[in-house]
């Protein structure tokens, strides 16, 4: 009797786990003009600061973000210190 109850419980649980509700949502995503995106890593452990400049892409495009080169990036702290970053041979970094 106990085994039959356990078997019914497992069957009901399995049935509930294998069925699910699905709702299809259609989003009307509009393309926007590319925007400049700045990604940086600043630390206080003596490591050099790194900044990456890329342009955004449309939502439906491949996730390959074009790098932006030729920018001059100047970092300023709260006590007036300035640091100008140099671009590496990899564009956008």
C-alpha atoms as a PDB file:
ATOM      1  CA  UNK A   1       0.000   0.000   0.000  1.00  0.00           C
ATOM      2  CA  UNK A   2       2.807   2.375   0.937  1.00  0.00           C
ATOM      3  CA  UNK A   3       4.682   1.589  -2.289  1.00  0.00           C
ATOM      4  CA  UNK A   4       1.559   2.313  -4.339  1.00  0.00           C
ATOM      5  CA  UNK A   5       1.172   5.707  -2.667  1.00  0.00           C
ATOM      6  CA  UNK A   6       4.824   6.566  -3.320  1.00  0.00           C
ATOM      7  CA  UNK A   7       4.499   5.419  -6.934  1.00  0.00           C
ATOM      8  CA  UNK A   8       1.413   7.611  -7.461  1.00  0.00           C
ATOM      9  CA  UNK A   9       3.168  10.573  -5.872  1.00  0.00           C
ATOM     10  CA  UNK A  10       6.227  10.119  -8.117  1.00  0.00           C
ATOM     11  CA  UNK A  11       4.028   9.762 -11.196  1.00  0.00           C
ATOM     12  CA  UNK A  12       2.082  12.935 -10.357  1.00  0.00           C
ATOM     13  CA  UNK A  13       5.295  14.839  -9.664  1.00  0.00           C
ATOM     14  CA  UNK A  14       6.818  13.636 -12.924  1.00  0.00           C
ATOM     15  CA  UNK A  15       3.713  14.678 -14.830  1.00  0.00           C
ATOM     16  CA  UNK A  16       3.811  18.168 -13.310  1.00  0.00           C
ATOM     17  CA  UNK A  17       7.513  18.579 -14.030  1.00  0.00           C
ATOM     18  CA  UNK A  18       7.219  17.590 -17.679  1.00  0.00           C
ATOM     19  CA  UNK A  19       4.372  19.963 -18.532  1.00  0.00           C
ATOM     20  CA  UNK A  20       4.747  23.712 -18.575  1.00  0.00           C
ATOM     21  CA  UNK A  21       2.952  26.809 -19.702  1.00  0.00           C
ATOM     22  CA  UNK A  22       4.414  28.692 -22.614  1.00  0.00           C
ATOM     23  CA  UNK A  23       3.632  32.204 -23.701  1.00  0.00           C
ATOM     24  CA  UNK A  24       5.056  33.639 -26.894  1.00  0.00           C
ATOM     25  CA  UNK A  25       5.984  37.293 -26.574  1.00  0.00           C
ATOM     26  CA  UNK A  26       6.636  39.308 -29.718  1.00  0.00           C
ATOM     27  CA  UNK A  27       8.715  42.398 -29.036  1.00  0.00           C
ATOM     28  CA  UNK A  28       8.788  45.265 -31.512  1.00  0.00           C
ATOM     29  CA  UNK A  29      12.456  46.164 -31.104  1.00  0.00           C
ATOM     30  CA  UNK A  30      13.503  49.200 -33.073  1.00  0.00           C
ATOM     31  CA  UNK A  31      17.060  49.815 -34.179  1.00  0.00           C
ATOM     32  CA  UNK A  32      18.769  52.827 -32.648  1.00  0.00           C
ATOM     33  CA  UNK A  33      21.832  54.737 -33.719  1.00  0.00           C
ATOM     34  CA  UNK A  34      25.084  53.154 -32.515  1.00  0.00           C
ATOM     35  CA  UNK A  35      26.299  54.518 -29.185  1.00  0.00           C
ATOM     36  CA  UNK A  36      29.767  54.742 -27.746  1.00  0.00           C
ATOM     37  CA  UNK A  37      30.274  52.241 -24.929  1.00  0.00           C
ATOM     38  CA  UNK A  38      33.077  52.630 -22.414  1.00  0.00           C
ATOM     39  CA  UNK A  39      34.269  49.649 -20.393  1.00  0.00           C
ATOM     40  CA  UNK A  40      37.066  50.247 -17.908  1.00  0.00           C
ATOM     41  CA  UNK A  41      39.011  48.631 -15.133  1.00  0.00           C
ATOM     42  CA  UNK A  42      40.577  50.914 -12.558  1.00  0.00           C
ATOM     43  CA  UNK A  43      42.407  49.581  -9.515  1.00  0.00           C
ATOM     44  CA  UNK A  44      44.501  50.968  -6.683  1.00  0.00           C
ATOM     45  CA  UNK A  45      46.993  48.086  -6.634  1.00  0.00           C
ATOM     46  CA  UNK A  46      49.529  49.629  -9.025  1.00  0.00           C
ATOM     47  CA  UNK A  47      48.187  47.879 -12.120  1.00  0.00           C
ATOM     48  CA  UNK A  48      47.646  50.089 -15.175  1.00  0.00           C
ATOM     49  CA  UNK A  49      44.116  51.256 -15.899  1.00  0.00           C
ATOM     50  CA  UNK A  50      42.483  49.705 -18.949  1.00  0.00           C
ATOM     51  CA  UNK A  51      39.648  51.181 -20.963  1.00  0.00           C
ATOM     52  CA  UNK A  52      37.932  49.677 -23.974  1.00  0.00           C
ATOM     53  CA  UNK A  53      35.853  51.763 -26.398  1.00  0.00           C
ATOM     54  CA  UNK A  54      33.292  50.054 -28.623  1.00  0.00           C
ATOM     55  CA  UNK A  55      30.150  50.975 -30.548  1.00  0.00           C
ATOM     56  CA  UNK A  56      26.833  49.337 -29.783  1.00  0.00           C
ATOM     57  CA  UNK A  57      25.074  47.269 -32.457  1.00  0.00           C
ATOM     58  CA  UNK A  58      21.432  46.485 -33.206  1.00  0.00           C
ATOM     59  CA  UNK A  59      19.739  43.906 -30.994  1.00  0.00           C
ATOM     60  CA  UNK A  60      19.293  41.558 -33.954  1.00  0.00           C
ATOM     61  CA  UNK A  61      22.933  41.877 -35.098  1.00  0.00           C
ATOM     62  CA  UNK A  62      25.715  39.496 -34.168  1.00  0.00           C
ATOM     63  CA  UNK A  63      27.395  40.273 -30.850  1.00  0.00           C
ATOM     64  CA  UNK A  64      30.503  41.598 -32.548  1.00  0.00           C
ATOM     65  CA  UNK A  65      31.052  45.131 -31.307  1.00  0.00           C
ATOM     66  CA  UNK A  66      33.274  47.355 -33.462  1.00  0.00           C
ATOM     67  CA  UNK A  67      36.207  48.940 -31.633  1.00  0.00           C
ATOM     68  CA  UNK A  68      36.721  52.703 -31.652  1.00  0.00           C
ATOM     69  CA  UNK A  69      40.291  53.860 -32.193  1.00  0.00           C
ATOM     70  CA  UNK A  70      42.057  57.196 -32.059  1.00  0.00           C
ATOM     71  CA  UNK A  71      40.380  58.452 -28.880  1.00  0.00           C
ATOM     72  CA  UNK A  72      42.230  60.361 -26.167  1.00  0.00           C
ATOM     73  CA  UNK A  73      41.191  59.261 -22.680  1.00  0.00           C
ATOM     74  CA  UNK A  74      42.124  61.314 -19.661  1.00  0.00           C
ATOM     75  CA  UNK A  75      41.392  60.099 -16.146  1.00  0.00           C
ATOM     76  CA  UNK A  76      41.107  62.580 -13.296  1.00  0.00           C
ATOM     77  CA  UNK A  77      40.874  61.772  -9.588  1.00  0.00           C
ATOM     78  CA  UNK A  78      39.246  63.765  -6.805  1.00  0.00           C
ATOM     79  CA  UNK A  79      42.515  65.455  -5.752  1.00  0.00           C
ATOM     80  CA  UNK A  80      43.324  66.817  -9.214  1.00  0.00           C
ATOM     81  CA  UNK A  81      45.614  64.076 -10.518  1.00  0.00           C
ATOM     82  CA  UNK A  82      45.495  63.473 -14.293  1.00  0.00           C
ATOM     83  CA  UNK A  83      46.466  60.416 -16.302  1.00  0.00           C
ATOM     84  CA  UNK A  84      46.206  60.201 -20.079  1.00  0.00           C
ATOM     85  CA  UNK A  85      45.891  56.656 -21.400  1.00  0.00           C
ATOM     86  CA  UNK A  86      47.704  55.502 -24.535  1.00  0.00           C
ATOM     87  CA  UNK A  87      46.046  53.291 -27.116  1.00  0.00           C
ATOM     88  CA  UNK A  88      47.519  49.809 -27.541  1.00  0.00           C
ATOM     89  CA  UNK A  89      48.126  48.175 -30.941  1.00  0.00           C
ATOM     90  CA  UNK A  90      44.668  46.586 -30.549  1.00  0.00           C
ATOM     91  CA  UNK A  91      42.153  49.229 -31.710  1.00  0.00           C
ATOM     92  CA  UNK A  92      39.782  50.386 -29.002  1.00  0.00           C
ATOM     93  CA  UNK A  93      42.037  49.340 -26.104  1.00  0.00           C
END
